[in-house]
């Protein structure tokens, strides 16, 4: 399930951050590498909630900084 979540997540991040999906890895940082600001992170959170039908805390990007960390979090949430 991890790889399918990662694939879907990369496409959403690429759209929000306006980058090519192939540059996004599990080690990519949302703020440092993708330059997502507060509004970009807010949009990303909303898109992830819609895509994966889960509720993410407003502080999710303060707790989890990389794509891989978010994939793991989403995987755990979907498994509940």
PDB file of N, CA and C in Angstrom:
ATOM      1  N   UNK A   1       0.821  -1.186   0.000  1.00  0.00           N
ATOM      2  CA  UNK A   1       0.000   0.000   0.000  1.00  0.00           C
ATOM      3  C   UNK A   1       0.873   1.262   0.000  1.00  0.00           C
ATOM      4  N   UNK A   2       2.050   1.194   0.610  1.00  0.00           N
ATOM      5  CA  UNK A   2       2.955   2.343   0.710  1.00  0.00           C
ATOM      6  C   UNK A   2       3.252   2.933  -0.667  1.00  0.00           C
ATOM      7  N   UNK A   3       3.584   2.081  -1.645  1.00  0.00           N
ATOM      8  CA  UNK A   3       3.964   2.600  -2.961  1.00  0.00           C
ATOM      9  C   UNK A   3       2.786   3.230  -3.692  1.00  0.00           C
ATOM     10  N   UNK A   4       1.572   2.702  -3.515  1.00  0.00           N
ATOM     11  CA  UNK A   4       0.424   3.312  -4.183  1.00  0.00           C
ATOM     12  C   UNK A   4       0.086   4.666  -3.553  1.00  0.00           C
ATOM     13  N   UNK A   5       0.240   4.775  -2.236  1.00  0.00           N
ATOM     14  CA  UNK A   5       0.035   6.065  -1.563  1.00  0.00           C
ATOM     15  C   UNK A   5       1.078   7.055  -2.042  1.00  0.00           C
ATOM     16  N   UNK A   6       2.328   6.618  -2.119  1.00  0.00           N
ATOM     17  CA  UNK A   6       3.408   7.495  -2.573  1.00  0.00           C
ATOM     18  C   UNK A   6       3.147   7.996  -3.988  1.00  0.00           C
ATOM     19  N   UNK A   7       2.713   7.136  -4.868  1.00  0.00           N
ATOM     20  CA  UNK A   7       2.446   7.525  -6.258  1.00  0.00           C
ATOM     21  C   UNK A   7       1.348   8.587  -6.313  1.00  0.00           C
ATOM     22  N   UNK A   8       0.263   8.357  -5.619  1.00  0.00           N
ATOM     23  CA  UNK A   8      -0.839   9.321  -5.606  1.00  0.00           C
ATOM     24  C   UNK A   8      -0.409  10.629  -4.958  1.00  0.00           C
ATOM     25  N   UNK A   9       0.327  10.526  -3.880  1.00  0.00           N
ATOM     26  CA  UNK A   9       0.801  11.707  -3.163  1.00  0.00           C
ATOM     27  C   UNK A   9       1.734  12.552  -4.028  1.00  0.00           C
ATOM     28  N   UNK A  10       2.628  11.904  -4.731  1.00  0.00           N
ATOM     29  CA  UNK A  10       3.581  12.632  -5.593  1.00  0.00           C
ATOM     30  C   UNK A  10       2.846  13.454  -6.648  1.00  0.00           C
ATOM     31  N   UNK A  11       1.794  12.905  -7.232  1.00  0.00           N
ATOM     32  CA  UNK A  11       1.041  13.635  -8.250  1.00  0.00           C
ATOM     33  C   UNK A  11       0.356  14.867  -7.668  1.00  0.00           C
ATOM     34  N   UNK A  12      -0.211  14.724  -6.487  1.00  0.00           N
ATOM     35  CA  UNK A  12      -0.878  15.853  -5.837  1.00  0.00           C
ATOM     36  C   UNK A  12       0.144  16.919  -5.456  1.00  0.00           C
ATOM     37  N   UNK A  13       1.243  16.500  -4.866  1.00  0.00           N
ATOM     38  CA  UNK A  13       2.285  17.458  -4.474  1.00  0.00           C
ATOM     39  C   UNK A  13       2.819  18.195  -5.691  1.00  0.00           C
ATOM     40  N   UNK A  14       3.031  17.484  -6.780  1.00  0.00           N
ATOM     41  CA  UNK A  14       3.542  18.102  -8.002  1.00  0.00           C
ATOM     42  C   UNK A  14       2.608  19.207  -8.489  1.00  0.00           C
ATOM     43  N   UNK A  15       1.313  18.960  -8.422  1.00  0.00           N
ATOM     44  CA  UNK A  15       0.346  19.978  -8.839  1.00  0.00           C
ATOM     45  C   UNK A  15       0.368  21.188  -7.913  1.00  0.00           C
ATOM     46  N   UNK A  16       0.349  20.941  -6.621  1.00  0.00           N
ATOM     47  CA  UNK A  16       0.306  22.041  -5.652  1.00  0.00           C
ATOM     48  C   UNK A  16       1.605  22.843  -5.670  1.00  0.00           C
ATOM     49  N   UNK A  17       2.740  22.149  -5.712  1.00  0.00           N
ATOM     50  CA  UNK A  17       4.043  22.821  -5.659  1.00  0.00           C
ATOM     51  C   UNK A  17       4.526  23.277  -7.032  1.00  0.00           C
ATOM     52  N   UNK A  18       3.793  22.872  -8.080  1.00  0.00           N
ATOM     53  CA  UNK A  18       4.161  23.218  -9.454  1.00  0.00           C
ATOM     54  C   UNK A  18       5.576  22.753  -9.794  1.00  0.00           C
ATOM     55  N   UNK A  19       5.815  21.476  -9.518  1.00  0.00           N
ATOM     56  CA  UNK A  19       7.081  20.834  -9.878  1.00  0.00           C
ATOM     57  C   UNK A  19       6.752  19.529 -10.595  1.00  0.00           C
ATOM     58  N   UNK A  20       7.746  18.941 -11.200  1.00  0.00           N
ATOM     59  CA  UNK A  20       7.554  17.640 -11.851  1.00  0.00           C
ATOM     60  C   UNK A  20       7.578  16.551 -10.784  1.00  0.00           C
ATOM     61  N   UNK A  21       6.712  15.581 -10.936  1.00  0.00           N
ATOM     62  CA  UNK A  21       6.576  14.552  -9.902  1.00  0.00           C
ATOM     63  C   UNK A  21       7.841  13.717  -9.727  1.00  0.00           C
ATOM     64  N   UNK A  22       8.660  13.588 -10.771  1.00  0.00           N
ATOM     65  CA  UNK A  22       9.856  12.747 -10.648  1.00  0.00           C
ATOM     66  C   UNK A  22      10.919  13.337  -9.717  1.00  0.00           C
ATOM     67  N   UNK A  23      10.809  14.618  -9.373  1.00  0.00           N
ATOM     68  CA  UNK A  23      11.780  15.211  -8.441  1.00  0.00           C
ATOM     69  C   UNK A  23      11.387  14.981  -6.988  1.00  0.00           C
ATOM     70  N   UNK A  24      10.179  14.469  -6.775  1.00  0.00           N
ATOM     71  CA  UNK A  24       9.680  14.252  -5.416  1.00  0.00           C
ATOM     72  C   UNK A  24      10.034  12.843  -4.969  1.00  0.00           C
ATOM     73  N   UNK A  25      10.779  12.754  -3.876  1.00  0.00           N
ATOM     74  CA  UNK A  25      11.165  11.462  -3.311  1.00  0.00           C
ATOM     75  C   UNK A  25      10.664  11.390  -1.870  1.00  0.00           C
ATOM     76  N   UNK A  26      10.894  10.267  -1.241  1.00  0.00           N
ATOM     77  CA  UNK A  26      10.486  10.129   0.159  1.00  0.00           C
ATOM     78  C   UNK A  26      11.286  11.060   1.068  1.00  0.00           C
ATOM     79  N   UNK A  27      12.432  11.518   0.613  1.00  0.00           N
ATOM     80  CA  UNK A  27      13.287  12.415   1.407  1.00  0.00           C
ATOM     81  C   UNK A  27      13.064  13.897   1.105  1.00  0.00           C
ATOM     82  N   UNK A  28      12.087  14.206   0.259  1.00  0.00           N
ATOM     83  CA  UNK A  28      11.814  15.590  -0.102  1.00  0.00           C
ATOM     84  C   UNK A  28      11.115  16.308   1.047  1.00  0.00           C
ATOM     85  N   UNK A  29      11.640  17.477   1.391  1.00  0.00           N
ATOM     86  CA  UNK A  29      11.043  18.319   2.432  1.00  0.00           C
ATOM     87  C   UNK A  29      10.034  19.287   1.791  1.00  0.00           C
ATOM     88  N   UNK A  30       8.883  19.421   2.421  1.00  0.00           N
ATOM     89  CA  UNK A  30       7.826  20.261   1.873  1.00  0.00           C
ATOM     90  C   UNK A  30       8.226  21.726   1.800  1.00  0.00           C
ATOM     91  N   UNK A  31       8.789  22.239   2.862  1.00  0.00           N
ATOM     92  CA  UNK A  31       9.135  23.662   2.881  1.00  0.00           C
ATOM     93  C   UNK A  31      10.504  23.922   2.256  1.00  0.00           C
ATOM     94  N   UNK A  32      11.507  23.166   2.652  1.00  0.00           N
ATOM     95  CA  UNK A  32      12.870  23.430   2.194  1.00  0.00           C
ATOM     96  C   UNK A  32      13.075  23.089   0.718  1.00  0.00           C
ATOM     97  N   UNK A  33      12.585  21.944   0.285  1.00  0.00           N
ATOM     98  CA  UNK A  33      12.831  21.498  -1.088  1.00  0.00           C
ATOM     99  C   UNK A  33      11.766  21.972  -2.082  1.00  0.00           C
ATOM    100  N   UNK A  34      10.521  22.027  -1.633  1.00  0.00           N
ATOM    101  CA  UNK A  34       9.427  22.391  -2.530  1.00  0.00           C
ATOM    102  C   UNK A  34       8.970  23.836  -2.371  1.00  0.00           C
ATOM    103  N   UNK A  35       9.525  24.510  -1.385  1.00  0.00           N
ATOM    104  CA  UNK A  35       9.206  25.919  -1.130  1.00  0.00           C
ATOM    105  C   UNK A  35       7.712  26.163  -0.923  1.00  0.00           C
ATOM    106  N   UNK A  36       7.042  25.218  -0.292  1.00  0.00           N
ATOM    107  CA  UNK A  36       5.630  25.416  -0.010  1.00  0.00           C
ATOM    108  C   UNK A  36       5.477  26.323   1.209  1.00  0.00           C
ATOM    109  N   UNK A  37       4.701  27.379   1.039  1.00  0.00           N
ATOM    110  CA  UNK A  37       4.446  28.293   2.150  1.00  0.00           C
ATOM    111  C   UNK A  37       3.187  27.851   2.896  1.00  0.00           C
ATOM    112  N   UNK A  38       2.748  28.663   3.827  1.00  0.00           N
ATOM    113  CA  UNK A  38       1.595  28.332   4.660  1.00  0.00           C
ATOM    114  C   UNK A  38       0.359  28.021   3.814  1.00  0.00           C
ATOM    115  N   UNK A  39       0.106  28.845   2.804  1.00  0.00           N
ATOM    116  CA  UNK A  39      -1.064  28.632   1.948  1.00  0.00           C
ATOM    117  C   UNK A  39      -0.928  27.373   1.102  1.00  0.00           C
ATOM    118  N   UNK A  40       0.273  27.113   0.615  1.00  0.00           N
ATOM    119  CA  UNK A  40       0.512  25.899  -0.166  1.00  0.00           C
ATOM    120  C   UNK A  40       0.320  24.647   0.669  1.00  0.00           C
ATOM    121  N   UNK A  41       0.794  24.683   1.906  1.00  0.00           N
ATOM    122  CA  UNK A  41       0.629  23.537   2.808  1.00  0.00           C
ATOM    123  C   UNK A  41      -0.835  23.337   3.178  1.00  0.00           C
ATOM    124  N   UNK A  42      -1.551  24.432   3.328  1.00  0.00           N
ATOM    125  CA  UNK A  42      -2.982  24.347   3.638  1.00  0.00           C
ATOM    126  C   UNK A  42      -3.738  23.702   2.468  1.00  0.00           C
ATOM    127  N   UNK A  43      -3.411  24.124   1.262  1.00  0.00           N
ATOM    128  CA  UNK A  43      -4.038  23.536   0.075  1.00  0.00           C
ATOM    129  C   UNK A  43      -3.682  22.056  -0.045  1.00  0.00           C
ATOM    130  N   UNK A  44      -2.421  21.735   0.201  1.00  0.00           N
ATOM    131  CA  UNK A  44      -1.982  20.348   0.122  1.00  0.00           C
ATOM    132  C   UNK A  44      -2.720  19.491   1.141  1.00  0.00           C
ATOM    133  N   UNK A  45      -2.864  19.973   2.351  1.00  0.00           N
ATOM    134  CA  UNK A  45      -3.579  19.226   3.391  1.00  0.00           C
ATOM    135  C   UNK A  45      -5.011  18.941   2.950  1.00  0.00           C
ATOM    136  N   UNK A  46      -5.681  19.944   2.408  1.00  0.00           N
ATOM    137  CA  UNK A  46      -7.068  19.768   1.953  1.00  0.00           C
ATOM    138  C   UNK A  46      -7.150  18.752   0.818  1.00  0.00           C
ATOM    139  N   UNK A  47      -6.213  18.826  -0.111  1.00  0.00           N
ATOM    140  CA  UNK A  47      -6.208  17.886  -1.239  1.00  0.00           C
ATOM    141  C   UNK A  47      -5.950  16.462  -0.770  1.00  0.00           C
ATOM    142  N   UNK A  48      -5.063  16.290   0.199  1.00  0.00           N
ATOM    143  CA  UNK A  48      -4.768  14.954   0.728  1.00  0.00           C
ATOM    144  C   UNK A  48      -5.965  14.388   1.475  1.00  0.00           C
ATOM    145  N   UNK A  49      -6.652  15.235   2.221  1.00  0.00           N
ATOM    146  CA  UNK A  49      -7.848  14.774   2.927  1.00  0.00           C
ATOM    147  C   UNK A  49      -8.901  14.281   1.939  1.00  0.00           C
ATOM    148  N   UNK A  50      -9.081  15.013   0.855  1.00  0.00           N
ATOM    149  CA  UNK A  50     -10.050  14.609  -0.172  1.00  0.00           C
ATOM    150  C   UNK A  50      -9.618  13.328  -0.881  1.00  0.00           C
ATOM    151  N   UNK A  51      -8.367  13.278  -1.276  1.00  0.00           N
ATOM    152  CA  UNK A  51      -7.858  12.128  -2.044  1.00  0.00           C
ATOM    153  C   UNK A  51      -7.917  10.831  -1.252  1.00  0.00           C
ATOM    154  N   UNK A  52      -7.525  10.890   0.017  1.00  0.00           N
ATOM    155  CA  UNK A  52      -7.411   9.671   0.811  1.00  0.00           C
ATOM    156  C   UNK A  52      -8.576   9.480   1.794  1.00  0.00           C
ATOM    157  N   UNK A  53      -9.532  10.408   1.774  1.00  0.00           N
ATOM    158  CA  UNK A  53     -10.718  10.329   2.626  1.00  0.00           C
ATOM    159  C   UNK A  53     -10.333  10.154   4.101  1.00  0.00           C
ATOM    160  N   UNK A  54      -9.433  11.030   4.545  1.00  0.00           N
ATOM    161  CA  UNK A  54      -8.981  11.021   5.934  1.00  0.00           C
ATOM    162  C   UNK A  54      -9.006  12.449   6.460  1.00  0.00           C
ATOM    163  N   UNK A  55      -8.881  12.591   7.754  1.00  0.00           N
ATOM    164  CA  UNK A  55      -8.793  13.907   8.385  1.00  0.00           C
ATOM    165  C   UNK A  55      -7.374  14.085   8.915  1.00  0.00           C
ATOM    166  N   UNK A  56      -6.684  15.113   8.452  1.00  0.00           N
ATOM    167  CA  UNK A  56      -5.323  15.399   8.899  1.00  0.00           C
ATOM    168  C   UNK A  56      -5.341  16.556   9.896  1.00  0.00           C
ATOM    169  N   UNK A  57      -4.546  16.469  10.953  1.00  0.00           N
ATOM    170  CA  UNK A  57      -4.490  17.596  11.897  1.00  0.00           C
ATOM    171  C   UNK A  57      -3.905  18.832  11.214  1.00  0.00           C
ATOM    172  N   UNK A  58      -4.316  19.994  11.677  1.00  0.00           N
ATOM    173  CA  UNK A  58      -3.817  21.248  11.095  1.00  0.00           C
ATOM    174  C   UNK A  58      -2.309  21.375  11.234  1.00  0.00           C
ATOM    175  N   UNK A  59      -1.744  20.680  12.202  1.00  0.00           N
ATOM    176  CA  UNK A  59      -0.301  20.756  12.455  1.00  0.00           C
ATOM    177  C   UNK A  59       0.482  19.634  11.774  1.00  0.00           C
ATOM    178  N   UNK A  60      -0.141  18.932  10.851  1.00  0.00           N
ATOM    179  CA  UNK A  60       0.496  17.752  10.256  1.00  0.00           C
ATOM    180  C   UNK A  60       1.861  18.064   9.638  1.00  0.00           C
ATOM    181  N   UNK A  61       2.010  19.233   9.013  1.00  0.00           N
ATOM    182  CA  UNK A  61       3.277  19.549   8.360  1.00  0.00           C
ATOM    183  C   UNK A  61       4.306  20.134   9.330  1.00  0.00           C
ATOM    184  N   UNK A  62       3.930  20.353  10.559  1.00  0.00           N
ATOM    185  CA  UNK A  62       4.901  20.718  11.596  1.00  0.00           C
ATOM    186  C   UNK A  62       5.464  19.447  12.227  1.00  0.00           C
ATOM    187  N   UNK A  63       4.621  18.424  12.287  1.00  0.00           N
ATOM    188  CA  UNK A  63       5.022  17.145  12.864  1.00  0.00           C
ATOM    189  C   UNK A  63       5.779  16.268  11.868  1.00  0.00           C
ATOM    190  N   UNK A  64       5.382  16.346  10.613  1.00  0.00           N
ATOM    191  CA  UNK A  64       5.978  15.524   9.559  1.00  0.00           C
ATOM    192  C   UNK A  64       6.512  16.439   8.472  1.00  0.00           C
ATOM    193  N   UNK A  65       7.816  16.369   8.237  1.00  0.00           N
ATOM    194  CA  UNK A  65       8.464  17.317   7.329  1.00  0.00           C
ATOM    195  C   UNK A  65       8.742  16.782   5.933  1.00  0.00           C
ATOM    196  N   UNK A  66       8.793  15.469   5.789  1.00  0.00           N
ATOM    197  CA  UNK A  66       9.156  14.897   4.491  1.00  0.00           C
ATOM    198  C   UNK A  66       7.993  14.125   3.882  1.00  0.00           C
ATOM    199  N   UNK A  67       8.097  13.881   2.607  1.00  0.00           N
ATOM    200  CA  UNK A  67       7.087  13.116   1.889  1.00  0.00           C
ATOM    201  C   UNK A  67       6.961  11.714   2.486  1.00  0.00           C
ATOM    202  N   UNK A  68       8.065  11.079   2.785  1.00  0.00           N
ATOM    203  CA  UNK A  68       8.036   9.738   3.349  1.00  0.00           C
ATOM    204  C   UNK A  68       7.321   9.679   4.685  1.00  0.00           C
ATOM    205  N   UNK A  69       7.509  10.695   5.506  1.00  0.00           N
ATOM    206  CA  UNK A  69       6.830  10.737   6.797  1.00  0.00           C
ATOM    207  C   UNK A  69       5.317  10.855   6.620  1.00  0.00           C
ATOM    208  N   UNK A  70       4.901  11.664   5.663  1.00  0.00           N
ATOM    209  CA  UNK A  70       3.467  11.831   5.403  1.00  0.00           C
ATOM    210  C   UNK A  70       2.876  10.550   4.822  1.00  0.00           C
ATOM    211  N   UNK A  71       3.612   9.877   3.953  1.00  0.00           N
ATOM    212  CA  UNK A  71       3.125   8.607   3.403  1.00  0.00           C
ATOM    213  C   UNK A  71       2.870   7.615   4.532  1.00  0.00           C
ATOM    214  N   UNK A  72       3.805   7.507   5.440  1.00  0.00           N
ATOM    215  CA  UNK A  72       3.644   6.609   6.584  1.00  0.00           C
ATOM    216  C   UNK A  72       2.449   6.984   7.441  1.00  0.00           C
ATOM    217  N   UNK A  73       2.259   8.270   7.659  1.00  0.00           N
ATOM    218  CA  UNK A  73       1.122   8.746   8.441  1.00  0.00           C
ATOM    219  C   UNK A  73      -0.196   8.421   7.749  1.00  0.00           C
ATOM    220  N   UNK A  74      -0.268   8.692   6.459  1.00  0.00           N
ATOM    221  CA  UNK A  74      -1.492   8.398   5.702  1.00  0.00           C
ATOM    222  C   UNK A  74      -1.777   6.903   5.707  1.00  0.00           C
ATOM    223  N   UNK A  75      -0.746   6.109   5.519  1.00  0.00           N
ATOM    224  CA  UNK A  75      -0.912   4.651   5.529  1.00  0.00           C
ATOM    225  C   UNK A  75      -1.487   4.189   6.872  1.00  0.00           C
ATOM    226  N   UNK A  76      -0.988   4.741   7.959  1.00  0.00           N
ATOM    227  CA  UNK A  76      -1.482   4.367   9.293  1.00  0.00           C
ATOM    228  C   UNK A  76      -2.934   4.813   9.470  1.00  0.00           C
ATOM    229  N   UNK A  77      -3.250   6.001   9.001  1.00  0.00           N
ATOM    230  CA  UNK A  77      -4.616   6.515   9.121  1.00  0.00           C
ATOM    231  C   UNK A  77      -5.609   5.683   8.306  1.00  0.00           C
ATOM    232  N   UNK A  78      -5.199   5.265   7.138  1.00  0.00           N
ATOM    233  CA  UNK A  78      -6.075   4.470   6.279  1.00  0.00           C
ATOM    234  C   UNK A  78      -6.267   3.067   6.820  1.00  0.00           C
ATOM    235  N   UNK A  79      -5.324   2.605   7.623  1.00  0.00           N
ATOM    236  CA  UNK A  79      -5.403   1.268   8.199  1.00  0.00           C
ATOM    237  C   UNK A  79      -6.297   1.184   9.415  1.00  0.00           C
ATOM    238  N   UNK A  80      -6.759   2.330   9.896  1.00  0.00           N
ATOM    239  CA  UNK A  80      -7.604   2.333  11.107  1.00  0.00           C
ATOM    240  C   UNK A  80      -9.007   1.921  10.801  1.00  0.00           C
TER     241      UNK A  80
END
